Amino acid sequence: MDERVYDQFGRAFSNEKTFGLSKAEQVIIQQCVRRQEHRRNCFHKTKMVGTKILLALFFGDLLMETLSENCSPAFQVIINSTNPSPKEGDDITLSCVHNISNGSLTFSWKKDGQMMSTSQNTSELVLTKVLSDNSGSYSCVVNSTYDSCESPPYSVIIENQSVIILVICGVSALLLILIMGLAMKFKLKRDNDKHKERRKQRVQGGQSGSPAQFASRES
């Protein structure tokens, strides 16, 4: 099939959210799509025959949007963090905590609603030397044999240290200018006092010498 045929199938079945698949079939298709294998190869590996499976394979992205609804109310998935208030340069570990125990489990992580390709199939997401760009909304997806459950979003806010550094530098520079200004004012005042004292001494010296000069002239 070429891309035009796939487009026609997509338009014709765009309103069929589950394509008539059972839960087990949906999970198999979901796992194929998330592994990002070539969809033709995935079709052969699942050994499923039928138009509905073929359509689901070629339009797995649409199907995956509805699979999150297949999480049993009895199951819960949440995210815990080792560092609730991280700063730039810190390390953070997000743990996917759940009570799902039926069958083998696979894990995936999302950031701001987008799948993170670098953290597939692990219950812990480790972020090292974080920067402000690592801030965002993280969620964990747990896939079991018959369920696909996604955690509520967990907000990670990285405190931007560069702003704090700029504030500290600005305050330090202001204090330095203030200290230098006070030092210059004190120095000028001291020099002015010394100048006044020398003038006063010269005046007093001139007044004490005048009577002696008159006496010598009269004799």
C-alpha atoms as a PDB file:
ATOM      1  CA  MET A   1       0.000   0.000   0.000  1.00  0.00           C
ATOM      2  CA  ASP A   2       1.288   3.481  -0.752  1.00  0.00           C
ATOM      3  CA  GLU A   3       0.761   6.572   1.369  1.00  0.00           C
ATOM      4  CA  ARG A   4      -2.382   7.608  -0.578  1.00  0.00           C
ATOM      5  CA  VAL A   5      -4.133   4.389   0.402  1.00  0.00           C
ATOM      6  CA  TYR A   6      -3.129   4.904   4.016  1.00  0.00           C
ATOM      7  CA  ASP A   7      -4.547   8.430   3.894  1.00  0.00           C
ATOM      8  CA  GLN A   8      -7.834   7.105   2.536  1.00  0.00           C
ATOM      9  CA  PHE A   9      -8.035   4.541   5.317  1.00  0.00           C
ATOM     10  CA  GLY A  10      -7.249   7.238   7.845  1.00  0.00           C
ATOM     11  CA  ARG A  11     -10.093   9.473   6.647  1.00  0.00           C
ATOM     12  CA  ALA A  12     -12.545   6.590   6.439  1.00  0.00           C
ATOM     13  CA  PHE A  13     -11.833   5.248   9.915  1.00  0.00           C
ATOM     14  CA  SER A  14     -10.846   8.439  11.735  1.00  0.00           C
ATOM     15  CA  ASN A  15     -13.980   8.256  13.873  1.00  0.00           C
ATOM     16  CA  GLU A  16     -13.421   4.646  14.911  1.00  0.00           C
ATOM     17  CA  LYS A  17     -11.307   5.225  18.001  1.00  0.00           C
ATOM     18  CA  THR A  18     -10.614   1.562  18.825  1.00  0.00           C
ATOM     19  CA  PHE A  19     -11.076   0.151  15.321  1.00  0.00           C
ATOM     20  CA  GLY A  20     -13.186  -2.622  16.849  1.00  0.00           C
ATOM     21  CA  LEU A  21     -10.171  -4.123  18.605  1.00  0.00           C
ATOM     22  CA  SER A  22     -10.382  -6.055  21.834  1.00  0.00           C
ATOM     23  CA  LYS A  23      -8.331  -4.926  24.823  1.00  0.00           C
ATOM     24  CA  ALA A  24      -5.712  -7.604  24.224  1.00  0.00           C
ATOM     25  CA  GLU A  25      -5.412  -6.611  20.569  1.00  0.00           C
ATOM     26  CA  GLN A  26      -5.151  -2.934  21.476  1.00  0.00           C
ATOM     27  CA  VAL A  27      -2.294  -3.622  23.895  1.00  0.00           C
ATOM     28  CA  ILE A  28      -0.403  -5.648  21.285  1.00  0.00           C
ATOM     29  CA  ILE A  29      -0.787  -2.874  18.716  1.00  0.00           C
ATOM     30  CA  GLN A  30       0.214  -0.266  21.268  1.00  0.00           C
ATOM     31  CA  GLN A  31       3.396  -2.162  22.129  1.00  0.00           C
ATOM     32  CA  CYS A  32       4.277  -2.513  18.449  1.00  0.00           C
ATOM     33  CA  VAL A  33       3.838   1.204  17.826  1.00  0.00           C
ATOM     34  CA  ARG A  34       5.764   2.277  20.914  1.00  0.00           C
ATOM     35  CA  ARG A  35       8.699   0.107  19.975  1.00  0.00           C
ATOM     36  CA  GLN A  36       8.857   2.213  16.828  1.00  0.00           C
ATOM     37  CA  GLU A  37       9.437  -0.809  14.623  1.00  0.00           C
ATOM     38  CA  HIS A  38       8.585  -0.742  10.957  1.00  0.00           C
ATOM     39  CA  ARG A  39       4.838  -1.221  10.941  1.00  0.00           C
ATOM     40  CA  ARG A  40       4.928  -3.864   8.205  1.00  0.00           C
ATOM     41  CA  ASN A  41       7.397  -5.914  10.271  1.00  0.00           C
ATOM     42  CA  CYS A  42       5.278  -5.407  13.354  1.00  0.00           C
ATOM     43  CA  PHE A  43       2.238  -6.698  11.467  1.00  0.00           C
ATOM     44  CA  HIS A  44       4.050  -9.900  10.549  1.00  0.00           C
ATOM     45  CA  LYS A  45       5.378 -10.380  14.075  1.00  0.00           C
ATOM     46  CA  THR A  46       1.940 -10.194  15.655  1.00  0.00           C
ATOM     47  CA  LYS A  47       0.658 -12.772  13.104  1.00  0.00           C
ATOM     48  CA  MET A  48      -2.782 -11.126  13.169  1.00  0.00           C
ATOM     49  CA  VAL A  49      -4.885 -11.201  10.001  1.00  0.00           C
ATOM     50  CA  GLY A  50      -7.749  -8.815   9.434  1.00  0.00           C
ATOM     51  CA  THR A  51      -8.467  -5.354   8.105  1.00  0.00           C
ATOM     52  CA  LYS A  52      -9.049  -3.900  11.553  1.00  0.00           C
ATOM     53  CA  ILE A  53      -5.576  -4.983  12.740  1.00  0.00           C
ATOM     54  CA  LEU A  54      -3.923  -3.671   9.593  1.00  0.00           C
ATOM     55  CA  LEU A  55      -5.635  -0.317  10.021  1.00  0.00           C
ATOM     56  CA  ALA A  56      -4.660  -0.144  13.679  1.00  0.00           C
ATOM     57  CA  LEU A  57      -1.040  -0.843  12.789  1.00  0.00           C
ATOM     58  CA  PHE A  58      -0.900   1.912  10.197  1.00  0.00           C
ATOM     59  CA  PHE A  59      -2.817   4.400  12.362  1.00  0.00           C
ATOM     60  CA  GLY A  60      -1.442   3.459  15.745  1.00  0.00           C
ATOM     61  CA  ASP A  61      -0.924   7.092  16.784  1.00  0.00           C
ATOM     62  CA  LEU A  62      -4.658   7.703  16.606  1.00  0.00           C
ATOM     63  CA  LEU A  63      -5.357   4.487  18.494  1.00  0.00           C
ATOM     64  CA  MET A  64      -2.839   5.296  21.229  1.00  0.00           C
ATOM     65  CA  GLU A  65      -4.707   8.488  22.089  1.00  0.00           C
ATOM     66  CA  THR A  66      -7.636   6.381  23.309  1.00  0.00           C
ATOM     67  CA  LEU A  67      -5.711   3.585  25.012  1.00  0.00           C
ATOM     68  CA  SER A  68      -5.200   5.677  28.135  1.00  0.00           C
ATOM     69  CA  GLU A  69      -8.929   5.253  28.738  1.00  0.00           C
ATOM     70  CA  ASN A  70      -8.347   1.498  29.244  1.00  0.00           C
ATOM     71  CA  CYS A  71      -6.866   1.859  32.731  1.00  0.00           C
ATOM     72  CA  SER A  72      -8.848   0.026  35.387  1.00  0.00           C
ATOM     73  CA  PRO A  73     -10.103   2.283  38.220  1.00  0.00           C
ATOM     74  CA  ALA A  74      -8.485  -0.124  40.668  1.00  0.00           C
ATOM     75  CA  PHE A  75      -5.014   0.763  39.400  1.00  0.00           C
ATOM     76  CA  GLN A  76      -3.137   3.879  40.431  1.00  0.00           C
ATOM     77  CA  VAL A  77       0.025   5.414  39.025  1.00  0.00           C
ATOM     78  CA  ILE A  78       1.793   8.385  40.625  1.00  0.00           C
ATOM     79  CA  ILE A  79       5.223   9.996  40.448  1.00  0.00           C
ATOM     80  CA  ASN A  80       7.569  10.562  43.380  1.00  0.00           C
ATOM     81  CA  SER A  81      10.639  12.810  43.265  1.00  0.00           C
ATOM     82  CA  THR A  82      13.882  12.689  45.229  1.00  0.00           C
ATOM     83  CA  ASN A  83      14.168  16.464  45.051  1.00  0.00           C
ATOM     84  CA  PRO A  84      10.884  18.400  45.314  1.00  0.00           C
ATOM     85  CA  SER A  85      12.602  21.801  45.033  1.00  0.00           C
ATOM     86  CA  PRO A  86      15.520  21.349  42.617  1.00  0.00           C
ATOM     87  CA  LYS A  87      18.004  24.012  41.639  1.00  0.00           C
ATOM     88  CA  GLU A  88      20.166  24.230  38.556  1.00  0.00           C
ATOM     89  CA  GLY A  89      22.977  21.673  38.740  1.00  0.00           C
ATOM     90  CA  ASP A  90      21.043  19.262  40.981  1.00  0.00           C
ATOM     91  CA  ASP A  91      20.203  15.652  40.145  1.00  0.00           C
ATOM     92  CA  ILE A  92      16.572  14.494  40.155  1.00  0.00           C
ATOM     93  CA  THR A  93      15.128  10.977  40.093  1.00  0.00           C
ATOM     94  CA  LEU A  94      11.437  10.597  39.244  1.00  0.00           C
ATOM     95  CA  SER A  95       9.975   7.236  40.301  1.00  0.00           C
ATOM     96  CA  CYS A  96       6.863   5.713  38.770  1.00  0.00           C
ATOM     97  CA  VAL A  97       4.896   4.246  41.697  1.00  0.00           C
ATOM     98  CA  HIS A  98       1.980   1.942  40.863  1.00  0.00           C
ATOM     99  CA  ASN A  99      -0.095  -0.981  42.125  1.00  0.00           C
ATOM    100  CA  ILE A 100      -0.338  -2.862  38.813  1.00  0.00           C
ATOM    101  CA  SER A 101       0.776  -6.479  39.071  1.00  0.00           C
ATOM    102  CA  ASN A 102      -0.905  -8.376  36.239  1.00  0.00           C
ATOM    103  CA  GLY A 103       1.648  -9.641  33.739  1.00  0.00           C
ATOM    104  CA  SER A 104       4.903  -8.137  32.563  1.00  0.00           C
ATOM    105  CA  LEU A 105       5.092  -4.363  32.687  1.00  0.00           C
ATOM    106  CA  THR A 106       6.692  -1.817  30.429  1.00  0.00           C
ATOM    107  CA  PHE A 107       7.239   1.845  31.222  1.00  0.00           C
ATOM    108  CA  SER A 108       7.487   5.038  29.241  1.00  0.00           C
ATOM    109  CA  TRP A 109       7.759   8.712  30.166  1.00  0.00           C
ATOM    110  CA  LYS A 110       6.273  11.889  28.777  1.00  0.00           C
ATOM    111  CA  LYS A 111       7.311  15.503  29.131  1.00  0.00           C
ATOM    112  CA  ASP A 112       4.704  18.158  28.377  1.00  0.00           C
ATOM    113  CA  GLY A 113       2.563  15.483  26.720  1.00  0.00           C
ATOM    114  CA  GLN A 114       5.331  14.303  24.370  1.00  0.00           C
ATOM    115  CA  MET A 115       6.887  10.848  24.604  1.00  0.00           C
ATOM    116  CA  MET A 116      10.529  10.866  25.739  1.00  0.00           C
ATOM    117  CA  SER A 117      12.461   8.482  23.501  1.00  0.00           C
ATOM    118  CA  THR A 118      15.535   8.476  25.756  1.00  0.00           C
ATOM    119  CA  SER A 119      13.778   6.953  28.780  1.00  0.00           C
ATOM    120  CA  GLN A 120      11.878   3.943  27.490  1.00  0.00           C
ATOM    121  CA  ASN A 121      10.974   0.935  29.655  1.00  0.00           C
ATOM    122  CA  THR A 122      12.277   2.120  33.004  1.00  0.00           C
ATOM    123  CA  SER A 123      10.334   2.878  36.179  1.00  0.00           C
ATOM    124  CA  GLU A 124      12.788   5.641  37.103  1.00  0.00           C
ATOM    125  CA  LEU A 125      13.657   8.755  35.154  1.00  0.00           C
ATOM    126  CA  VAL A 126      17.038  10.198  36.160  1.00  0.00           C
ATOM    127  CA  LEU A 127      17.772  13.827  35.309  1.00  0.00           C
ATOM    128  CA  THR A 128      21.379  14.830  35.984  1.00  0.00           C
ATOM    129  CA  LYS A 129      22.783  18.344  36.282  1.00  0.00           C
ATOM    130  CA  VAL A 130      19.399  19.855  35.542  1.00  0.00           C
ATOM    131  CA  LEU A 131      18.946  23.271  33.974  1.00  0.00           C
ATOM    132  CA  SER A 132      15.908  25.504  33.677  1.00  0.00           C
ATOM    133  CA  ASP A 133      15.154  23.798  30.330  1.00  0.00           C
ATOM    134  CA  ASN A 134      14.348  20.608  32.279  1.00  0.00           C
ATOM    135  CA  SER A 135      11.344  22.303  33.854  1.00  0.00           C
ATOM    136  CA  GLY A 136       8.049  20.904  32.678  1.00  0.00           C
ATOM    137  CA  SER A 137       5.184  18.501  33.298  1.00  0.00           C
ATOM    138  CA  TYR A 138       6.237  14.845  33.504  1.00  0.00           C
ATOM    139  CA  SER A 139       4.025  11.766  33.441  1.00  0.00           C
ATOM    140  CA  CYS A 140       4.664   8.026  33.574  1.00  0.00           C
ATOM    141  CA  VAL A 141       2.832   5.401  31.493  1.00  0.00           C
ATOM    142  CA  VAL A 142       2.625   1.816  32.762  1.00  0.00           C
ATOM    143  CA  ASN A 143       1.630  -0.844  30.238  1.00  0.00           C
ATOM    144  CA  SER A 144       0.502  -4.275  31.357  1.00  0.00           C
ATOM    145  CA  THR A 145      -1.069  -7.136  29.423  1.00  0.00           C
ATOM    146  CA  TYR A 146      -4.567  -5.653  29.536  1.00  0.00           C
ATOM    147  CA  ASP A 147      -4.149  -2.112  30.833  1.00  0.00           C
ATOM    148  CA  SER A 148      -2.324   1.082  29.975  1.00  0.00           C
ATOM    149  CA  CYS A 149      -2.313   3.583  32.827  1.00  0.00           C
ATOM    150  CA  GLU A 150      -0.859   7.072  32.852  1.00  0.00           C
ATOM    151  CA  SER A 151       0.005   9.016  35.982  1.00  0.00           C
ATOM    152  CA  PRO A 152      -1.257  12.528  36.677  1.00  0.00           C
ATOM    153  CA  PRO A 153       1.214  15.193  35.511  1.00  0.00           C
ATOM    154  CA  TYR A 154       4.035  15.983  37.918  1.00  0.00           C
ATOM    155  CA  SER A 155       5.402  19.518  37.644  1.00  0.00           C
ATOM    156  CA  VAL A 156       9.158  19.982  37.840  1.00  0.00           C
ATOM    157  CA  ILE A 157      10.221  23.587  38.366  1.00  0.00           C
ATOM    158  CA  ILE A 158      13.953  24.270  38.246  1.00  0.00           C
ATOM    159  CA  GLU A 159      15.001  27.390  40.116  1.00  0.00           C
ATOM    160  CA  ASN A 160      16.998  29.559  37.743  1.00  0.00           C
ATOM    161  CA  GLN A 161      20.257  30.216  39.544  1.00  0.00           C
ATOM    162  CA  SER A 162      21.480  32.694  36.927  1.00  0.00           C
ATOM    163  CA  VAL A 163      18.850  35.209  38.034  1.00  0.00           C
ATOM    164  CA  ILE A 164      19.933  34.838  41.656  1.00  0.00           C
ATOM    165  CA  ILE A 165      23.583  35.244  40.668  1.00  0.00           C
ATOM    166  CA  LEU A 166      22.761  38.421  38.751  1.00  0.00           C
ATOM    167  CA  VAL A 167      20.880  39.805  41.757  1.00  0.00           C
ATOM    168  CA  ILE A 168      23.766  38.969  44.092  1.00  0.00           C
ATOM    169  CA  CYS A 169      26.284  40.568  41.713  1.00  0.00           C
ATOM    170  CA  GLY A 170      24.116  43.664  41.391  1.00  0.00           C
ATOM    171  CA  VAL A 171      23.714  44.047  45.167  1.00  0.00           C
ATOM    172  CA  SER A 172      27.446  43.441  45.693  1.00  0.00           C
ATOM    173  CA  ALA A 173      28.339  46.071  43.103  1.00  0.00           C
ATOM    174  CA  LEU A 174      25.953  48.555  44.731  1.00  0.00           C
ATOM    175  CA  LEU A 175      27.450  47.915  48.172  1.00  0.00           C
ATOM    176  CA  LEU A 176      30.968  48.306  46.769  1.00  0.00           C
ATOM    177  CA  ILE A 177      30.076  51.663  45.186  1.00  0.00           C
ATOM    178  CA  LEU A 178      28.464  52.800  48.439  1.00  0.00           C
ATOM    179  CA  ILE A 179      31.514  51.805  50.500  1.00  0.00           C
ATOM    180  CA  MET A 180      33.885  53.525  48.069  1.00  0.00           C
ATOM    181  CA  GLY A 181      31.727  56.656  48.166  1.00  0.00           C
ATOM    182  CA  LEU A 182      31.736  56.710  51.981  1.00  0.00           C
ATOM    183  CA  ALA A 183      35.503  56.142  52.015  1.00  0.00           C
ATOM    184  CA  MET A 184      36.080  59.033  49.609  1.00  0.00           C
ATOM    185  CA  LYS A 185      33.796  61.286  51.654  1.00  0.00           C
ATOM    186  CA  PHE A 186      35.652  60.409  54.857  1.00  0.00           C
ATOM    187  CA  LYS A 187      39.026  61.046  53.207  1.00  0.00           C
ATOM    188  CA  LEU A 188      37.944  64.425  51.837  1.00  0.00           C
ATOM    189  CA  LYS A 189      36.572  65.431  55.243  1.00  0.00           C
ATOM    190  CA  ARG A 190      39.807  64.414  56.951  1.00  0.00           C
ATOM    191  CA  ASP A 191      41.933  66.314  54.412  1.00  0.00           C
ATOM    192  CA  ASN A 192      39.688  69.361  54.815  1.00  0.00           C
ATOM    193  CA  ASP A 193      40.004  69.218  58.623  1.00  0.00           C
ATOM    194  CA  LYS A 194      43.804  68.990  58.345  1.00  0.00           C
ATOM    195  CA  HIS A 195      43.868  71.958  55.974  1.00  0.00           C
ATOM    196  CA  LYS A 196      41.748  74.024  58.394  1.00  0.00           C
ATOM    197  CA  GLU A 197      44.007  73.045  61.290  1.00  0.00           C
ATOM    198  CA  ARG A 198      47.154  74.158  59.408  1.00  0.00           C
ATOM    199  CA  ARG A 199      45.548  77.513  58.530  1.00  0.00           C
ATOM    200  CA  LYS A 200      44.550  78.009  62.148  1.00  0.00           C
ATOM    201  CA  GLN A 201      48.093  77.268  63.322  1.00  0.00           C
ATOM    202  CA  ARG A 202      49.574  79.732  60.820  1.00  0.00           C
ATOM    203  CA  VAL A 203      47.177  82.460  61.971  1.00  0.00           C
ATOM    204  CA  GLN A 204      48.002  81.824  65.619  1.00  0.00           C
ATOM    205  CA  GLY A 205      51.737  81.853  64.854  1.00  0.00           C
ATOM    206  CA  GLY A 206      51.458  85.203  63.106  1.00  0.00           C
ATOM    207  CA  GLN A 207      49.542  86.776  65.993  1.00  0.00           C
ATOM    208  CA  SER A 208      52.050  85.632  68.651  1.00  0.00           C
ATOM    209  CA  GLY A 209      55.012  87.067  66.699  1.00  0.00           C
ATOM    210  CA  SER A 210      53.653  90.652  66.244  1.00  0.00           C
ATOM    211  CA  PRO A 211      54.328  92.154  69.811  1.00  0.00           C
ATOM    212  CA  ALA A 212      57.928  90.968  69.796  1.00  0.00           C
ATOM    213  CA  GLN A 213      58.547  92.700  66.528  1.00  0.00           C
ATOM    214  CA  PHE A 214      57.094  96.006  67.847  1.00  0.00           C
ATOM    215  CA  ALA A 215      59.254  95.831  70.990  1.00  0.00           C
ATOM    216  CA  SER A 216      62.435  95.357  69.034  1.00  0.00           C
ATOM    217  CA  ARG A 217      61.651  98.368  66.898  1.00  0.00           C
ATOM    218  CA  GLU A 218      61.041 100.662  69.902  1.00  0.00           C
ATOM    219  CA  SER A 219      64.359  99.755  71.544  1.00  0.00           C
END
